Amino acid sequence: MAVSKIAITIDSSTLTRLDRLVRERKYANRSRAVQEALDAQLERVEHRRLYAELENLNPEEERRFAEEGIGGERESWPEY
């Protein structure tokens, strides 16, 4: 995986907490800690977006779409 170097600005209390985690060997270094935290946050954001989209679905309408045409197509399905 290719990596890129970036610069970030964080407040001193966050940096102190980050350095404590590195000292306690919870992370190998600051970069690894920031990478894992960012990955976790992006995952949460992406899942929230998916859940928001799912909430917009109408279960009855989705069921109707799923059942549309099943009766006639069933005979043409290949045997496994």
N, C-alpha and C. Protein backbone atom coordinates (compact mmCIF):
# COMPACT_ATOMS: atom_id res chain seq x y z
N MET A 1 0.84 -1.18 0.00
CA MET A 1 0.00 0.00 0.00
C MET A 1 0.89 1.24 0.00
N ALA A 2 0.61 2.14 -0.90
CA ALA A 2 1.36 3.40 -0.96
C ALA A 2 0.94 4.30 0.19
N VAL A 3 1.87 5.03 0.71
CA VAL A 3 1.57 5.96 1.81
C VAL A 3 1.97 7.37 1.38
N SER A 4 1.34 8.34 2.01
CA SER A 4 1.66 9.74 1.75
C SER A 4 1.90 10.44 3.07
N LYS A 5 2.82 11.35 3.06
CA LYS A 5 3.11 12.12 4.26
C LYS A 5 2.25 13.38 4.23
N ILE A 6 1.63 13.69 5.36
CA ILE A 6 0.82 14.90 5.47
C ILE A 6 1.20 15.61 6.77
N ALA A 7 0.82 16.84 6.90
CA ALA A 7 1.02 17.59 8.13
C ALA A 7 -0.35 17.87 8.73
N ILE A 8 -0.48 17.71 10.03
CA ILE A 8 -1.74 18.02 10.70
C ILE A 8 -1.45 18.94 11.89
N THR A 9 -2.46 19.64 12.30
CA THR A 9 -2.37 20.51 13.47
C THR A 9 -3.37 20.00 14.50
N ILE A 10 -2.88 19.71 15.70
CA ILE A 10 -3.76 19.25 16.78
C ILE A 10 -3.43 20.03 18.05
N ASP A 11 -4.39 20.09 18.95
CA ASP A 11 -4.15 20.83 20.18
C ASP A 11 -3.21 20.06 21.11
N SER A 12 -2.63 20.76 22.05
CA SER A 12 -1.60 20.17 22.91
C SER A 12 -2.12 19.03 23.79
N SER A 13 -3.36 19.13 24.24
CA SER A 13 -3.87 18.04 25.10
C SER A 13 -4.06 16.75 24.29
N THR A 14 -4.48 16.88 23.04
CA THR A 14 -4.61 15.70 22.19
C THR A 14 -3.25 15.10 21.91
N LEU A 15 -2.26 15.93 21.67
CA LEU A 15 -0.90 15.45 21.43
C LEU A 15 -0.35 14.74 22.67
N THR A 16 -0.62 15.28 23.83
CA THR A 16 -0.18 14.64 25.07
C THR A 16 -0.80 13.26 25.21
N ARG A 17 -2.08 13.16 24.93
CA ARG A 17 -2.76 11.86 25.01
C ARG A 17 -2.20 10.88 23.98
N LEU A 18 -1.96 11.38 22.78
CA LEU A 18 -1.39 10.56 21.71
C LEU A 18 -0.01 10.05 22.10
N ASP A 19 0.83 10.93 22.61
CA ASP A 19 2.18 10.53 23.02
C ASP A 19 2.14 9.52 24.16
N ARG A 20 1.18 9.65 25.07
CA ARG A 20 1.06 8.69 26.15
C ARG A 20 0.76 7.29 25.60
N LEU A 21 -0.12 7.21 24.60
CA LEU A 21 -0.42 5.91 23.99
C LEU A 21 0.81 5.30 23.32
N VAL A 22 1.62 6.14 22.70
CA VAL A 22 2.84 5.65 22.05
C VAL A 22 3.84 5.19 23.12
N ARG A 23 3.99 5.97 24.20
CA ARG A 23 4.89 5.58 25.29
C ARG A 23 4.46 4.26 25.91
N GLU A 24 3.15 4.06 26.04
CA GLU A 24 2.62 2.81 26.63
C GLU A 24 2.65 1.67 25.63
N ARG A 25 3.20 1.93 24.46
CA ARG A 25 3.35 0.94 23.38
C ARG A 25 2.02 0.38 22.87
N LYS A 26 0.99 1.19 22.98
CA LYS A 26 -0.30 0.82 22.39
C LYS A 26 -0.21 0.97 20.86
N TYR A 27 0.67 1.89 20.42
CA TYR A 27 0.94 2.11 19.01
C TYR A 27 2.45 2.24 18.84
N ALA A 28 2.93 1.85 17.68
CA ALA A 28 4.37 1.91 17.42
C ALA A 28 4.88 3.35 17.35
N ASN A 29 4.03 4.25 16.83
CA ASN A 29 4.44 5.65 16.68
C ASN A 29 3.20 6.51 16.47
N ARG A 30 3.41 7.81 16.42
CA ARG A 30 2.29 8.73 16.23
C ARG A 30 1.56 8.47 14.92
N SER A 31 2.32 8.25 13.86
CA SER A 31 1.69 8.03 12.55
C SER A 31 0.74 6.84 12.58
N ARG A 32 1.19 5.75 13.19
CA ARG A 32 0.35 4.54 13.25
C ARG A 32 -0.92 4.82 14.05
N ALA A 33 -0.80 5.55 15.16
CA ALA A 33 -1.95 5.87 16.00
C ALA A 33 -2.95 6.73 15.23
N VAL A 34 -2.45 7.75 14.54
CA VAL A 34 -3.33 8.64 13.77
C VAL A 34 -3.99 7.87 12.63
N GLN A 35 -3.22 7.02 11.94
CA GLN A 35 -3.76 6.22 10.84
C GLN A 35 -4.91 5.34 11.32
N GLU A 36 -4.71 4.63 12.44
CA GLU A 36 -5.76 3.75 12.94
C GLU A 36 -6.98 4.52 13.41
N ALA A 37 -6.76 5.66 14.05
CA ALA A 37 -7.90 6.48 14.50
C ALA A 37 -8.68 7.01 13.31
N LEU A 38 -7.98 7.45 12.29
CA LEU A 38 -8.64 7.98 11.09
C LEU A 38 -9.40 6.88 10.36
N ASP A 39 -8.79 5.70 10.23
CA ASP A 39 -9.48 4.57 9.60
C ASP A 39 -10.77 4.22 10.34
N ALA A 40 -10.69 4.19 11.67
CA ALA A 40 -11.88 3.85 12.48
C ALA A 40 -12.97 4.91 12.30
N GLN A 41 -12.59 6.17 12.31
CA GLN A 41 -13.58 7.24 12.14
C GLN A 41 -14.21 7.21 10.76
N LEU A 42 -13.41 6.99 9.73
CA LEU A 42 -13.96 6.91 8.37
C LEU A 42 -14.93 5.74 8.25
N GLU A 43 -14.60 4.62 8.86
CA GLU A 43 -15.50 3.47 8.85
C GLU A 43 -16.84 3.81 9.49
N ARG A 44 -16.79 4.50 10.64
CA ARG A 44 -18.04 4.91 11.32
C ARG A 44 -18.86 5.85 10.45
N VAL A 45 -18.21 6.81 9.83
CA VAL A 45 -18.92 7.77 8.96
C VAL A 45 -19.57 7.05 7.79
N GLU A 46 -18.84 6.14 7.16
CA GLU A 46 -19.39 5.40 6.02
C GLU A 46 -20.56 4.53 6.43
N HIS A 47 -20.50 3.91 7.60
CA HIS A 47 -21.62 3.08 8.06
C HIS A 47 -22.84 3.94 8.39
N ARG A 48 -22.60 5.10 8.99
CA ARG A 48 -23.74 5.99 9.29
C ARG A 48 -24.44 6.40 8.01
N ARG A 49 -23.66 6.67 6.97
CA ARG A 49 -24.26 7.05 5.68
C ARG A 49 -25.09 5.91 5.11
N LEU A 50 -24.57 4.69 5.21
CA LEU A 50 -25.32 3.53 4.74
C LEU A 50 -26.61 3.35 5.53
N TYR A 51 -26.53 3.46 6.85
CA TYR A 51 -27.73 3.32 7.68
C TYR A 51 -28.76 4.41 7.35
N ALA A 52 -28.29 5.63 7.10
CA ALA A 52 -29.20 6.72 6.74
C ALA A 52 -29.91 6.40 5.43
N GLU A 53 -29.18 5.85 4.47
CA GLU A 53 -29.80 5.47 3.20
C GLU A 53 -30.81 4.34 3.40
N LEU A 54 -30.48 3.38 4.23
CA LEU A 54 -31.39 2.27 4.49
C LEU A 54 -32.68 2.73 5.15
N GLU A 55 -32.57 3.75 6.01
CA GLU A 55 -33.76 4.27 6.67
C GLU A 55 -34.73 4.91 5.67
N ASN A 56 -34.22 5.32 4.52
CA ASN A 56 -35.08 5.94 3.50
C ASN A 56 -35.88 4.92 2.70
N LEU A 57 -35.52 3.65 2.84
CA LEU A 57 -36.23 2.61 2.08
C LEU A 57 -37.60 2.34 2.69
N ASN A 58 -38.55 2.05 1.84
CA ASN A 58 -39.90 1.67 2.27
C ASN A 58 -39.98 0.14 2.20
N PRO A 59 -40.07 -0.55 3.34
CA PRO A 59 -40.06 -2.02 3.33
C PRO A 59 -41.13 -2.65 2.44
N GLU A 60 -42.32 -2.09 2.44
CA GLU A 60 -43.39 -2.64 1.61
C GLU A 60 -43.07 -2.49 0.12
N GLU A 61 -42.58 -1.32 -0.24
CA GLU A 61 -42.22 -1.08 -1.63
C GLU A 61 -41.07 -2.00 -2.06
N GLU A 62 -40.08 -2.18 -1.21
CA GLU A 62 -38.96 -3.06 -1.52
C GLU A 62 -39.43 -4.51 -1.67
N ARG A 63 -40.35 -4.95 -0.81
CA ARG A 63 -40.89 -6.30 -0.90
C ARG A 63 -41.64 -6.48 -2.23
N ARG A 64 -42.41 -5.46 -2.59
CA ARG A 64 -43.16 -5.51 -3.84
C ARG A 64 -42.19 -5.61 -5.04
N PHE A 65 -41.11 -4.82 -5.03
CA PHE A 65 -40.13 -4.91 -6.10
C PHE A 65 -39.49 -6.29 -6.16
N ALA A 66 -39.18 -6.84 -5.00
CA ALA A 66 -38.52 -8.14 -4.95
C ALA A 66 -39.42 -9.26 -5.46
N GLU A 67 -40.72 -9.12 -5.22
CA GLU A 67 -41.65 -10.18 -5.60
C GLU A 67 -42.18 -10.02 -7.02
N GLU A 68 -41.91 -8.88 -7.64
CA GLU A 68 -42.40 -8.62 -8.99
C GLU A 68 -41.88 -9.66 -9.97
N GLY A 69 -42.77 -10.33 -10.66
CA GLY A 69 -42.39 -11.24 -11.71
C GLY A 69 -41.81 -12.57 -11.28
N ILE A 70 -41.76 -12.85 -9.99
CA ILE A 70 -41.16 -14.11 -9.54
C ILE A 70 -41.95 -15.30 -10.06
N GLY A 71 -43.26 -15.21 -10.07
CA GLY A 71 -44.09 -16.34 -10.49
C GLY A 71 -43.77 -16.84 -11.88
N GLY A 72 -43.67 -15.97 -12.87
CA GLY A 72 -43.42 -16.37 -14.24
C GLY A 72 -41.98 -16.77 -14.50
N GLU A 73 -41.04 -16.18 -13.82
CA GLU A 73 -39.63 -16.47 -14.06
C GLU A 73 -39.18 -17.78 -13.43
N ARG A 74 -39.84 -18.18 -12.41
CA ARG A 74 -39.39 -19.34 -11.63
C ARG A 74 -39.20 -20.58 -12.49
N GLU A 75 -40.10 -20.79 -13.44
CA GLU A 75 -40.01 -21.98 -14.29
C GLU A 75 -38.78 -21.94 -15.20
N SER A 76 -38.30 -20.74 -15.52
CA SER A 76 -37.17 -20.63 -16.44
C SER A 76 -35.83 -20.67 -15.72
N TRP A 77 -35.81 -20.76 -14.40
CA TRP A 77 -34.55 -20.81 -13.65
C TRP A 77 -33.87 -22.15 -13.89
N PRO A 78 -32.56 -22.16 -14.05
CA PRO A 78 -31.86 -23.42 -14.28
C PRO A 78 -31.87 -24.30 -13.03
N GLU A 79 -31.84 -25.58 -13.24
CA GLU A 79 -31.80 -26.56 -12.15
C GLU A 79 -30.35 -26.69 -11.68
N TYR A 80 -30.10 -26.66 -10.38
CA TYR A 80 -28.74 -26.80 -9.85
C TYR A 80 -28.60 -28.09 -9.09
